[in-house]
Amino acid sequence: MSTPQEAAPVAAELSFKAIGAALQPVEDPEIHMSIVELGLIYGAKIEDVEGAKGKRVTVTMSLTSPACPYGPMLLAMVHGAVAKIPGVRTVDVDLSFNPLWDPRTYASEEAKDKLGIF
């Protein structure tokens, strides 16, 4: 059984901020920008896994288009990045096109600037 001192680092590392930081290096291979900055990550949910150490993380994301040829690769990259976070037991990546991704709405100001959107 773990003591509160042992459990604290995992709890501190597994957060929405940690998920965002883990996903920051994942880039759209056509645009060469972070999927976080592009606004392709719609949200994340952290849940307990009954009877197991670690948490289940469900990431909801979109792609730049429903026909994106790199979709399966991006989903795998997101899964892999989140799975490496200490305290994560399982990862689910849900793909959503509701609402459709629009860089004018979802991309960061820096990403809009790089994309030439004013």
C-alpha atoms as a PDB file:
ATOM      1  CA  MET A   1       0.000   0.000   0.000  1.00  0.00           C
ATOM      2  CA  SER A   2       1.367   3.403  -0.897  1.00  0.00           C
ATOM      3  CA  THR A   3       1.769   6.216   1.558  1.00  0.00           C
ATOM      4  CA  PRO A   4       0.428   9.721   0.862  1.00  0.00           C
ATOM      5  CA  GLN A   5       3.992  10.839   0.113  1.00  0.00           C
ATOM      6  CA  GLU A   6       4.323   8.180  -2.618  1.00  0.00           C
ATOM      7  CA  ALA A   7       0.915   8.946  -4.139  1.00  0.00           C
ATOM      8  CA  ALA A   8       1.409  12.721  -4.293  1.00  0.00           C
ATOM      9  CA  PRO A   9       3.884  12.841  -7.256  1.00  0.00           C
ATOM     10  CA  VAL A  10       1.597  10.760  -9.491  1.00  0.00           C
ATOM     11  CA  ALA A  11      -1.407  12.928  -8.612  1.00  0.00           C
ATOM     12  CA  ALA A  12       0.628  16.055  -9.325  1.00  0.00           C
ATOM     13  CA  GLU A  13       1.844  14.719 -12.690  1.00  0.00           C
ATOM     14  CA  LEU A  14      -1.515  13.451 -13.932  1.00  0.00           C
ATOM     15  CA  SER A  15      -3.484  16.586 -14.651  1.00  0.00           C
ATOM     16  CA  PHE A  16      -5.066  18.323 -17.602  1.00  0.00           C
ATOM     17  CA  LYS A  17      -1.952  20.494 -17.757  1.00  0.00           C
ATOM     18  CA  ALA A  18       0.226  17.355 -17.973  1.00  0.00           C
ATOM     19  CA  ILE A  19      -1.974  15.981 -20.760  1.00  0.00           C
ATOM     20  CA  GLY A  20      -1.670  19.252 -22.689  1.00  0.00           C
ATOM     21  CA  ALA A  21       2.099  19.285 -22.184  1.00  0.00           C
ATOM     22  CA  ALA A  22       2.384  15.671 -23.385  1.00  0.00           C
ATOM     23  CA  LEU A  23       0.367  16.492 -26.518  1.00  0.00           C
ATOM     24  CA  GLN A  24       2.170  19.773 -27.318  1.00  0.00           C
ATOM     25  CA  PRO A  25       4.961  18.072 -29.341  1.00  0.00           C
ATOM     26  CA  VAL A  26       2.471  16.125 -31.485  1.00  0.00           C
ATOM     27  CA  GLU A  27       2.317  17.939 -34.825  1.00  0.00           C
ATOM     28  CA  ASP A  28      -0.017  17.773 -37.771  1.00  0.00           C
ATOM     29  CA  PRO A  29       2.339  16.398 -40.441  1.00  0.00           C
ATOM     30  CA  GLU A  30       0.903  18.551 -43.232  1.00  0.00           C
ATOM     31  CA  ILE A  31       0.752  21.874 -41.377  1.00  0.00           C
ATOM     32  CA  HIS A  32       3.812  21.225 -39.149  1.00  0.00           C
ATOM     33  CA  MET A  33       2.159  22.751 -36.101  1.00  0.00           C
ATOM     34  CA  SER A  34       1.187  21.351 -32.719  1.00  0.00           C
ATOM     35  CA  ILE A  35      -2.266  19.789 -32.623  1.00  0.00           C
ATOM     36  CA  VAL A  36      -2.767  21.603 -29.303  1.00  0.00           C
ATOM     37  CA  GLU A  37      -2.022  25.004 -30.880  1.00  0.00           C
ATOM     38  CA  LEU A  38      -4.253  24.146 -33.823  1.00  0.00           C
ATOM     39  CA  GLY A  39      -7.112  23.469 -31.417  1.00  0.00           C
ATOM     40  CA  LEU A  40      -7.585  19.868 -32.504  1.00  0.00           C
ATOM     41  CA  ILE A  41      -7.810  18.680 -28.893  1.00  0.00           C
ATOM     42  CA  TYR A  42     -11.389  19.253 -27.764  1.00  0.00           C
ATOM     43  CA  GLY A  43     -10.985  17.930 -24.228  1.00  0.00           C
ATOM     44  CA  ALA A  44      -9.834  15.197 -21.894  1.00  0.00           C
ATOM     45  CA  LYS A  45     -11.394  13.202 -19.101  1.00  0.00           C
ATOM     46  CA  ILE A  46      -9.481  11.574 -16.241  1.00  0.00           C
ATOM     47  CA  GLU A  47     -11.176   8.667 -14.448  1.00  0.00           C
ATOM     48  CA  ASP A  48     -10.285   6.050 -11.875  1.00  0.00           C
ATOM     49  CA  VAL A  49      -9.820   2.503 -13.128  1.00  0.00           C
ATOM     50  CA  GLU A  50     -11.649   0.186 -10.766  1.00  0.00           C
ATOM     51  CA  GLY A  51      -9.321  -2.247  -9.028  1.00  0.00           C
ATOM     52  CA  ALA A  52      -6.180  -0.954 -10.749  1.00  0.00           C
ATOM     53  CA  LYS A  53      -3.427   1.532 -10.103  1.00  0.00           C
ATOM     54  CA  GLY A  54      -3.498   4.441 -12.473  1.00  0.00           C
ATOM     55  CA  LYS A  55      -6.179   6.360 -14.297  1.00  0.00           C
ATOM     56  CA  ARG A  56      -8.064   6.104 -17.561  1.00  0.00           C
ATOM     57  CA  VAL A  57      -7.636   9.148 -19.784  1.00  0.00           C
ATOM     58  CA  THR A  58     -10.048   9.794 -22.628  1.00  0.00           C
ATOM     59  CA  VAL A  59      -8.949  12.449 -25.113  1.00  0.00           C
ATOM     60  CA  THR A  60     -11.522  13.914 -27.496  1.00  0.00           C
ATOM     61  CA  MET A  61      -9.995  15.362 -30.629  1.00  0.00           C
ATOM     62  CA  SER A  62     -10.703  16.273 -34.203  1.00  0.00           C
ATOM     63  CA  LEU A  63      -8.734  16.385 -37.430  1.00  0.00           C
ATOM     64  CA  THR A  64      -8.266  19.257 -39.855  1.00  0.00           C
ATOM     65  CA  SER A  65     -10.707  17.441 -42.154  1.00  0.00           C
ATOM     66  CA  PRO A  66     -12.743  14.233 -41.949  1.00  0.00           C
ATOM     67  CA  ALA A  67     -10.743  12.883 -44.897  1.00  0.00           C
ATOM     68  CA  CYS A  68      -7.352  13.630 -43.335  1.00  0.00           C
ATOM     69  CA  PRO A  69      -4.972  10.925 -44.628  1.00  0.00           C
ATOM     70  CA  TYR A  70      -2.876  11.198 -41.465  1.00  0.00           C
ATOM     71  CA  GLY A  71      -5.833  10.617 -39.121  1.00  0.00           C
ATOM     72  CA  PRO A  72      -4.870   7.110 -37.962  1.00  0.00           C
ATOM     73  CA  MET A  73      -1.275   8.208 -37.412  1.00  0.00           C
ATOM     74  CA  LEU A  74      -2.338  11.254 -35.373  1.00  0.00           C
ATOM     75  CA  LEU A  75      -4.670   9.145 -33.224  1.00  0.00           C
ATOM     76  CA  ALA A  76      -1.804   6.737 -32.537  1.00  0.00           C
ATOM     77  CA  MET A  77       0.557   9.605 -31.701  1.00  0.00           C
ATOM     78  CA  VAL A  78      -1.958  11.075 -29.236  1.00  0.00           C
ATOM     79  CA  HIS A  79      -2.491   7.663 -27.653  1.00  0.00           C
ATOM     80  CA  GLY A  80       1.255   7.115 -27.291  1.00  0.00           C
ATOM     81  CA  ALA A  81       1.953  10.566 -25.862  1.00  0.00           C
ATOM     82  CA  VAL A  82      -0.740  10.279 -23.188  1.00  0.00           C
ATOM     83  CA  ALA A  83       0.185   6.682 -22.330  1.00  0.00           C
ATOM     84  CA  LYS A  84       3.690   7.845 -21.321  1.00  0.00           C
ATOM     85  CA  ILE A  85       2.363  10.159 -18.583  1.00  0.00           C
ATOM     86  CA  PRO A  86       3.040   8.713 -15.121  1.00  0.00           C
ATOM     87  CA  GLY A  87      -0.164   7.522 -13.491  1.00  0.00           C
ATOM     88  CA  VAL A  88      -1.992   6.689 -16.724  1.00  0.00           C
ATOM     89  CA  ARG A  89      -3.252   3.100 -16.915  1.00  0.00           C
ATOM     90  CA  THR A  90      -5.378   3.211 -20.083  1.00  0.00           C
ATOM     91  CA  VAL A  91      -5.921   5.700 -22.893  1.00  0.00           C
ATOM     92  CA  ASP A  92      -8.900   6.138 -25.180  1.00  0.00           C
ATOM     93  CA  VAL A  93      -8.842   8.601 -28.063  1.00  0.00           C
ATOM     94  CA  ASP A  94     -12.273   9.637 -29.306  1.00  0.00           C
ATOM     95  CA  LEU A  95     -12.489  11.261 -32.710  1.00  0.00           C
ATOM     96  CA  SER A  96     -15.184  13.918 -33.055  1.00  0.00           C
ATOM     97  CA  PHE A  97     -16.294  16.114 -35.914  1.00  0.00           C
ATOM     98  CA  ASN A  98     -18.984  17.816 -33.874  1.00  0.00           C
ATOM     99  CA  PRO A  99     -18.312  20.637 -34.226  1.00  0.00           C
ATOM    100  CA  LEU A 100     -16.185  20.600 -37.344  1.00  0.00           C
ATOM    101  CA  TRP A 101     -12.729  22.009 -36.727  1.00  0.00           C
ATOM    102  CA  ASP A 102     -12.325  25.603 -37.891  1.00  0.00           C
ATOM    103  CA  PRO A 103      -8.943  27.271 -37.335  1.00  0.00           C
ATOM    104  CA  ARG A 104     -10.600  30.688 -37.005  1.00  0.00           C
ATOM    105  CA  THR A 105     -12.441  29.399 -33.952  1.00  0.00           C
ATOM    106  CA  TYR A 106     -10.176  26.769 -32.380  1.00  0.00           C
ATOM    107  CA  ALA A 107      -6.557  27.626 -33.219  1.00  0.00           C
ATOM    108  CA  SER A 108      -4.451  29.686 -30.827  1.00  0.00           C
ATOM    109  CA  GLU A 109      -3.574  33.253 -31.768  1.00  0.00           C
ATOM    110  CA  GLU A 110      -0.011  32.152 -32.537  1.00  0.00           C
ATOM    111  CA  ALA A 111      -1.267  29.369 -34.806  1.00  0.00           C
ATOM    112  CA  LYS A 112      -3.637  31.758 -36.578  1.00  0.00           C
ATOM    113  CA  ASP A 113      -0.723  34.109 -37.155  1.00  0.00           C
ATOM    114  CA  LYS A 114       1.389  31.290 -38.625  1.00  0.00           C
ATOM    115  CA  LEU A 115      -1.540  30.204 -40.810  1.00  0.00           C
ATOM    116  CA  GLY A 116      -2.109  33.772 -42.009  1.00  0.00           C
ATOM    117  CA  ILE A 117      -5.567  34.036 -40.429  1.00  0.00           C
ATOM    118  CA  PHE A 118      -6.422  37.521 -39.183  1.00  0.00           C
END
